[in-house]
């Protein structure tokens, strides 16, 4: 398997709640959670692929139903704005970019629910613990768990979650995306970053997975440089590395929407707030939009000006009942002086393009 065909894995770490900004996260699970979570993760085969993990060729029968459900944008935006007002940047961007769907829907691999909680990419134990943590009834927890590690099934169970449950699931699972990037950047440097910058990096890992994040070496070095010398010029250089190129059924797309949101959040919360319609665009917004190849007239709301060709093409296929083949194209050239933390050793690759 070539480096450009990413493999799937679930980060082997304990999950924890990340709620309001002034409180330390409290662990949902006991001290042995990391070990249990590792046992719950599908074993990789000799090629390094986890069962059912390949973006191009799932290991299970891909003939299951394609369930198209359009995101309820008004709800996801309302939640994003509410979370932003509380200083919960991570929860906000997940709600805004992922969208909200109350029922199970077809994702890039397998099936997801809520704000992109992909139950197919999680092990049974993890799905059960998250379902219980957000207050789902036992029958629905069991239904979601039945989709664990399954890229396709013959029939989908009926499960429904509220916006509040969806965002709580996002909080519950944050640690499995934040801990890897903290390790890659280096804890001493990562901890110097502002909350909105940590949120952007955590959501980046949500999109490309722990091992995928390790391949974004230019981003890692740029963040390290900024953490050492936190000046606007270096923040911009880091923001420039939130770039995502995909092959969708063989055609190349840039995910300019995700780049715009992540670059905005990392650089300036006010720029991100403008995208949500909560504040005027800051003076530096045009330079941020340029990073994403977006032309935005800041005298108008941003919503109807954002280019999302990739999202539109992907949604059209799902709407037609076609499960697309999506491959992430990463700049794999190694950069010098990457500070790695030996305690964290990511395996596999999870890509969740939005």
Protein backbone atom coordinates (compact mmCIF):
# COMPACT_ATOMS: atom_id res chain seq x y z
CA UNK A 1 0.00 0.00 0.00
CA UNK A 2 1.45 3.38 -0.99
CA UNK A 3 1.78 6.27 1.44
CA UNK A 4 -0.93 8.13 -0.47
CA UNK A 5 -3.51 5.48 0.34
CA UNK A 6 -4.07 6.10 3.98
CA UNK A 7 -4.78 3.33 6.47
CA UNK A 8 -7.21 3.48 9.37
CA UNK A 9 -6.57 3.19 13.08
CA UNK A 10 -8.08 4.37 16.27
CA UNK A 11 -5.85 6.27 18.70
CA UNK A 12 -5.04 4.11 21.71
CA UNK A 13 -5.69 6.51 24.53
CA UNK A 14 -8.15 7.11 27.33
CA UNK A 15 -11.17 9.23 26.53
CA UNK A 16 -12.04 12.21 28.70
CA UNK A 17 -14.70 14.86 28.95
CA UNK A 18 -13.70 18.38 27.93
CA UNK A 19 -16.43 20.68 29.05
CA UNK A 20 -16.22 24.32 30.09
CA UNK A 21 -12.92 26.13 29.68
CA UNK A 22 -12.04 26.73 33.33
CA UNK A 23 -12.29 23.14 34.54
CA UNK A 24 -9.81 20.35 34.04
CA UNK A 25 -11.16 17.44 31.96
CA UNK A 26 -12.44 14.56 34.05
CA UNK A 27 -11.84 11.02 32.89
CA UNK A 28 -14.93 9.08 31.87
CA UNK A 29 -13.24 5.77 32.37
CA UNK A 30 -11.02 4.04 34.87
CA UNK A 31 -7.22 4.08 34.90
CA UNK A 32 -7.09 0.93 32.77
CA UNK A 33 -9.04 2.55 29.95
CA UNK A 34 -5.99 2.90 27.69
CA UNK A 35 -5.35 -0.83 27.88
CA UNK A 36 -9.01 -1.68 27.33
CA UNK A 37 -9.25 0.74 24.44
CA UNK A 38 -6.23 -0.87 22.81
CA UNK A 39 -7.83 -4.31 23.07
CA UNK A 40 -10.99 -2.84 21.56
CA UNK A 41 -9.18 -1.59 18.46
CA UNK A 42 -9.22 -3.87 15.36
CA UNK A 43 -5.90 -5.63 14.90
CA UNK A 44 -3.83 -4.61 11.88
CA UNK A 45 -2.91 -7.18 9.27
CA UNK A 46 0.57 -7.80 7.87
CA UNK A 47 0.31 -4.80 5.53
CA UNK A 48 -0.41 -2.42 8.39
CA UNK A 49 -4.08 -2.02 7.55
CA UNK A 50 -6.75 -2.42 10.18
CA UNK A 51 -9.69 -4.58 9.12
CA UNK A 52 -12.11 -2.52 7.06
CA UNK A 53 -9.82 0.50 7.20
CA UNK A 54 -8.73 1.26 3.65
CA UNK A 55 -10.37 4.33 2.17
CA UNK A 56 -10.19 2.82 -1.31
CA UNK A 57 -11.08 -0.80 -0.57
CA UNK A 58 -12.93 -1.55 2.69
CA UNK A 59 -12.18 -5.02 3.97
CA UNK A 60 -15.85 -5.84 4.44
CA UNK A 61 -18.55 -6.23 1.83
CA UNK A 62 -19.25 -2.65 0.60
CA UNK A 63 -22.79 -3.46 -0.55
CA UNK A 64 -24.63 -2.04 2.44
CA UNK A 65 -27.20 0.74 2.18
CA UNK A 66 -26.08 4.29 1.35
CA UNK A 67 -28.01 6.46 3.78
CA UNK A 68 -28.08 10.11 2.72
CA UNK A 69 -29.17 12.60 5.35
CA UNK A 70 -28.60 16.29 4.82
CA UNK A 71 -27.03 18.19 7.71
CA UNK A 72 -29.41 20.41 9.68
CA UNK A 73 -27.37 23.55 9.21
CA UNK A 74 -29.53 25.80 11.37
CA UNK A 75 -29.03 23.46 14.32
CA UNK A 76 -25.30 22.90 13.83
CA UNK A 77 -24.77 26.67 13.47
CA UNK A 78 -26.79 27.44 16.59
CA UNK A 79 -24.76 24.91 18.58
CA UNK A 80 -21.51 26.24 17.11
CA UNK A 81 -22.39 29.79 18.10
CA UNK A 82 -23.45 28.70 21.59
CA UNK A 83 -20.25 26.73 22.15
CA UNK A 84 -18.15 29.63 20.86
CA UNK A 85 -19.84 31.98 23.33
CA UNK A 86 -18.72 29.63 26.12
CA UNK A 87 -15.15 29.53 24.85
CA UNK A 88 -15.53 25.91 23.71
CA UNK A 89 -13.71 26.33 20.42
CA UNK A 90 -13.29 22.64 19.64
CA UNK A 91 -16.93 21.76 20.15
CA UNK A 92 -17.88 24.80 18.08
CA UNK A 93 -15.81 23.97 15.02
CA UNK A 94 -16.83 20.31 15.09
CA UNK A 95 -20.50 21.30 15.10
CA UNK A 96 -20.03 23.90 12.37
CA UNK A 97 -17.85 21.95 9.92
CA UNK A 98 -19.22 18.45 10.55
CA UNK A 99 -22.84 19.54 10.73
CA UNK A 100 -25.56 17.76 12.71
CA UNK A 101 -27.63 14.73 11.76
CA UNK A 102 -29.96 13.13 14.27
CA UNK A 103 -29.97 9.71 12.58
CA UNK A 104 -27.33 7.34 11.25
CA UNK A 105 -25.94 8.39 7.87
CA UNK A 106 -23.35 7.17 5.37
CA UNK A 107 -19.90 8.65 5.96
CA UNK A 108 -16.72 8.40 3.90
CA UNK A 109 -16.16 5.02 5.51
CA UNK A 110 -19.10 3.27 7.10
CA UNK A 111 -21.69 5.13 9.13
CA UNK A 112 -21.82 8.10 11.48
CA UNK A 113 -24.32 10.01 13.60
CA UNK A 114 -24.56 13.41 15.29
CA UNK A 115 -21.57 15.67 14.66
CA UNK A 116 -19.57 13.12 12.69
CA UNK A 117 -19.29 10.42 15.36
CA UNK A 118 -18.26 7.63 13.00
CA UNK A 119 -19.32 4.47 14.80
CA UNK A 120 -17.83 2.28 12.06
CA UNK A 121 -14.35 3.60 12.85
CA UNK A 122 -14.63 2.88 16.56
CA UNK A 123 -14.47 -0.40 18.43
CA UNK A 124 -17.51 -1.84 20.20
CA UNK A 125 -16.29 -0.93 23.68
CA UNK A 126 -15.69 2.69 22.71
CA UNK A 127 -19.10 3.08 21.08
CA UNK A 128 -20.76 1.54 24.12
CA UNK A 129 -18.96 3.85 26.54
CA UNK A 130 -19.70 6.97 24.48
CA UNK A 131 -23.33 5.97 24.03
CA UNK A 132 -23.73 5.40 27.74
CA UNK A 133 -21.94 8.67 28.54
CA UNK A 134 -24.39 10.72 26.47
CA UNK A 135 -27.42 9.01 27.98
CA UNK A 136 -28.67 6.81 25.15
CA UNK A 137 -31.05 4.00 26.18
CA UNK A 138 -29.42 0.54 26.28
CA UNK A 139 -31.20 -0.62 23.12
CA UNK A 140 -29.78 2.26 21.09
CA UNK A 141 -26.32 1.82 22.60
CA UNK A 142 -26.43 -1.80 21.45
CA UNK A 143 -27.62 -0.74 17.99
CA UNK A 144 -24.71 1.68 17.55
CA UNK A 145 -22.26 -0.87 18.91
CA UNK A 146 -23.46 -3.34 16.27
CA UNK A 147 -21.94 -1.04 13.61
CA UNK A 148 -18.51 -1.04 15.24
CA UNK A 149 -15.66 -1.71 12.78
CA UNK A 150 -18.21 -2.29 10.02
CA UNK A 151 -17.85 -0.41 6.73
CA UNK A 152 -21.18 -1.78 5.49
CA UNK A 153 -24.18 -3.68 6.83
CA UNK A 154 -27.28 -5.07 5.21
CA UNK A 155 -29.69 -2.90 7.19
CA UNK A 156 -29.24 0.12 9.43
CA UNK A 157 -30.70 0.26 12.95
CA UNK A 158 -32.95 3.12 14.00
CA UNK A 159 -31.09 5.42 16.39
CA UNK A 160 -31.67 9.09 17.14
CA UNK A 161 -29.61 11.54 19.17
CA UNK A 162 -30.30 15.14 20.12
CA UNK A 163 -27.99 18.10 19.40
CA UNK A 164 -27.06 18.13 23.09
CA UNK A 165 -26.11 14.43 22.98
CA UNK A 166 -24.18 14.95 19.75
CA UNK A 167 -22.03 17.71 21.21
CA UNK A 168 -21.47 15.71 24.40
CA UNK A 169 -20.18 12.81 22.27
CA UNK A 170 -17.78 15.30 20.68
CA UNK A 171 -16.56 16.29 24.14
CA UNK A 172 -16.22 12.69 25.26
CA UNK A 173 -14.03 11.73 22.32
CA UNK A 174 -11.85 14.84 22.16
CA UNK A 175 -8.88 13.36 24.03
CA UNK A 176 -8.27 10.69 21.39
CA UNK A 177 -7.59 13.48 18.89
CA UNK A 178 -5.92 16.06 21.12
CA UNK A 179 -3.40 13.82 22.87
CA UNK A 180 -1.74 12.70 19.60
CA UNK A 181 -1.14 16.26 18.36
CA UNK A 182 0.12 17.30 21.79
CA UNK A 183 2.64 14.49 21.54
CA UNK A 184 3.67 15.37 17.98
CA UNK A 185 4.19 19.06 18.72
CA UNK A 186 5.73 18.35 22.11
CA UNK A 187 3.84 18.89 25.35
CA UNK A 188 6.04 21.78 26.47
CA UNK A 189 5.36 23.66 23.23
CA UNK A 190 1.74 22.59 22.76
CA UNK A 191 0.85 23.83 26.23
CA UNK A 192 2.02 27.34 25.25
CA UNK A 193 -0.69 27.60 22.60
CA UNK A 194 -3.99 29.41 23.12
CA UNK A 195 -7.21 27.38 23.55
CA UNK A 196 -8.48 28.31 20.08
CA UNK A 197 -5.22 27.08 18.54
CA UNK A 198 -5.35 23.79 20.43
CA UNK A 199 -8.93 23.36 19.22
CA UNK A 200 -7.92 23.88 15.58
CA UNK A 201 -5.12 21.33 15.88
CA UNK A 202 -7.37 18.80 17.61
CA UNK A 203 -9.96 19.10 14.87
CA UNK A 204 -7.19 18.70 12.28
CA UNK A 205 -6.39 15.33 13.86
CA UNK A 206 -10.09 14.49 13.82
CA UNK A 207 -9.98 14.97 10.05
CA UNK A 208 -6.79 13.08 9.19
CA UNK A 209 -6.20 10.77 12.15
CA UNK A 210 -3.21 10.47 14.51
CA UNK A 211 -0.80 8.91 12.01
CA UNK A 212 -2.09 11.18 9.28
CA UNK A 213 -1.33 14.15 11.52
CA UNK A 214 2.24 12.88 11.91
CA UNK A 215 2.62 13.15 8.13
CA UNK A 216 1.78 16.86 8.16
CA UNK A 217 5.37 17.66 9.05
CA UNK A 218 5.28 21.21 7.73
CA UNK A 219 2.36 21.97 10.02
CA UNK A 220 4.13 20.43 13.00
CA UNK A 221 7.33 22.45 12.48
CA UNK A 222 5.36 25.64 11.84
CA UNK A 223 3.37 25.18 15.06
CA UNK A 224 6.56 24.46 16.99
CA UNK A 225 8.15 27.64 15.61
CA UNK A 226 5.10 29.67 16.54
CA UNK A 227 4.97 28.21 20.07
CA UNK A 228 8.58 29.31 20.56
CA UNK A 229 8.02 32.78 19.12
CA UNK A 230 4.32 33.65 19.12
CA UNK A 231 4.18 36.44 16.56
CA UNK A 232 1.43 36.95 13.94
CA UNK A 233 3.72 36.15 11.04
CA UNK A 234 4.48 32.69 12.41
CA UNK A 235 0.81 32.09 13.26
CA UNK A 236 0.00 32.75 9.61
CA UNK A 237 2.71 30.33 8.46
CA UNK A 238 1.19 27.62 10.66
CA UNK A 239 -2.32 28.39 9.41
CA UNK A 240 -1.10 28.00 5.82
CA UNK A 241 -0.44 24.31 6.49
CA UNK A 242 -4.10 23.36 7.12
CA UNK A 243 -4.45 22.24 3.52
CA UNK A 244 -6.32 19.14 2.36
CA UNK A 245 -6.29 17.65 -1.12
CA UNK A 246 -8.49 14.66 -1.90
CA UNK A 247 -9.18 12.36 -4.80
CA UNK A 248 -12.93 11.87 -4.99
CA UNK A 249 -13.67 8.98 -7.34
CA UNK A 250 -10.41 9.83 -9.12
CA UNK A 251 -10.97 13.59 -9.43
CA UNK A 252 -8.75 15.93 -7.39
CA UNK A 253 -10.35 18.46 -5.05
CA UNK A 254 -9.05 20.86 -2.44
CA UNK A 255 -11.12 21.07 0.72
CA UNK A 256 -11.04 24.86 0.82
CA UNK A 257 -13.90 25.13 3.29
CA UNK A 258 -12.07 23.19 6.00
CA UNK A 259 -8.90 25.17 5.34
CA UNK A 260 -10.79 28.44 5.77
CA UNK A 261 -12.37 27.41 9.08
CA UNK A 262 -9.20 25.92 10.55
CA UNK A 263 -6.92 28.75 9.41
CA UNK A 264 -9.39 31.28 10.81
CA UNK A 265 -9.73 29.57 14.17
CA UNK A 266 -5.99 29.06 14.58
CA UNK A 267 -5.12 32.62 13.59
CA UNK A 268 -7.84 34.70 15.21
CA UNK A 269 -11.06 33.72 17.02
CA UNK A 270 -12.64 36.89 15.64
CA UNK A 271 -12.04 35.62 12.11
CA UNK A 272 -13.76 32.36 13.04
CA UNK A 273 -16.56 34.32 14.70
CA UNK A 274 -17.10 36.23 11.45
CA UNK A 275 -17.61 32.93 9.63
CA UNK A 276 -20.32 32.09 12.16
CA UNK A 277 -21.90 35.52 11.78
CA UNK A 278 -21.26 36.60 15.38
CA UNK A 279 -18.83 39.44 14.73
CA UNK A 280 -17.43 41.68 12.02
CA UNK A 281 -14.43 40.42 10.08
CA UNK A 282 -11.09 41.47 11.59
CA UNK A 283 -8.66 43.52 9.53
CA UNK A 284 -6.51 40.48 8.77
CA UNK A 285 -9.35 38.36 7.39
CA UNK A 286 -8.51 38.84 3.71
CA UNK A 287 -5.06 37.32 4.27
CA UNK A 288 -6.65 34.35 6.05
CA UNK A 289 -9.16 33.84 3.24
CA UNK A 290 -6.30 33.95 0.74
CA UNK A 291 -4.71 30.96 2.50
CA UNK A 292 -7.82 28.95 1.65
CA UNK A 293 -8.11 30.29 -1.87
CA UNK A 294 -11.39 31.96 -0.93
CA UNK A 295 -12.66 35.32 -2.15
CA UNK A 296 -14.77 36.81 0.62
CA UNK A 297 -16.32 40.28 0.64
CA UNK A 298 -16.20 41.09 4.34
CA UNK A 299 -18.97 43.66 3.99
CA UNK A 300 -21.33 40.72 3.50
CA UNK A 301 -22.00 37.55 5.53
CA UNK A 302 -19.48 34.85 4.71
CA UNK A 303 -21.90 31.93 4.39
CA UNK A 304 -22.96 32.20 0.76
CA UNK A 305 -19.46 33.16 -0.38
CA UNK A 306 -17.54 30.10 0.83
CA UNK A 307 -16.29 27.79 -1.90
CA UNK A 308 -17.03 24.15 -1.06
CA UNK A 309 -16.71 22.29 -4.36
CA UNK A 310 -15.42 19.19 -2.59
CA UNK A 311 -18.30 19.03 -0.12
CA UNK A 312 -20.87 19.64 -2.85
CA UNK A 313 -19.43 16.90 -5.10
CA UNK A 314 -19.32 14.42 -2.22
CA UNK A 315 -22.86 15.21 -1.12
CA UNK A 316 -24.17 14.82 -4.68
CA UNK A 317 -22.79 11.28 -4.86
CA UNK A 318 -24.31 10.33 -1.52
CA UNK A 319 -27.62 11.85 -2.59
CA UNK A 320 -27.53 9.62 -5.69
CA UNK A 321 -26.96 6.57 -3.51
CA UNK A 322 -23.30 6.24 -4.51
CA UNK A 323 -20.67 5.58 -1.85
CA UNK A 324 -17.65 7.61 -3.01
CA UNK A 325 -14.03 6.51 -2.98
CA UNK A 326 -12.00 9.20 -1.20
CA UNK A 327 -8.22 9.31 -0.86
CA UNK A 328 -6.26 11.94 1.06
CA UNK A 329 -3.18 13.31 -0.70
CA UNK A 330 -0.55 14.53 1.78
CA UNK A 331 2.82 16.17 1.24
CA UNK A 332 4.90 13.27 2.56
CA UNK A 333 8.31 14.95 2.33
CA UNK A 334 9.87 14.95 5.76
CA UNK A 335 10.85 18.26 7.34
CA UNK A 336 13.89 18.63 9.62
CA UNK A 337 13.93 19.14 13.37
CA UNK A 338 10.59 17.56 14.21
CA UNK A 339 10.28 17.30 17.98
CA UNK A 340 8.60 13.97 18.73
CA UNK A 341 7.47 12.71 22.11
CA UNK A 342 8.52 9.03 22.49
CA UNK A 343 5.60 8.28 24.81
CA UNK A 344 3.16 8.63 21.92
CA UNK A 345 3.48 6.20 19.02
CA UNK A 346 0.56 6.56 16.57
CA UNK A 347 -0.42 3.67 14.33
CA UNK A 348 -2.65 3.54 11.29
CA UNK A 349 -4.51 6.38 9.62
CA UNK A 350 -8.04 7.68 9.94
CA UNK A 351 -9.24 10.22 7.38
CA UNK A 352 -12.53 11.98 7.89
CA UNK A 353 -12.72 14.62 5.12
CA UNK A 354 -15.50 17.18 5.40
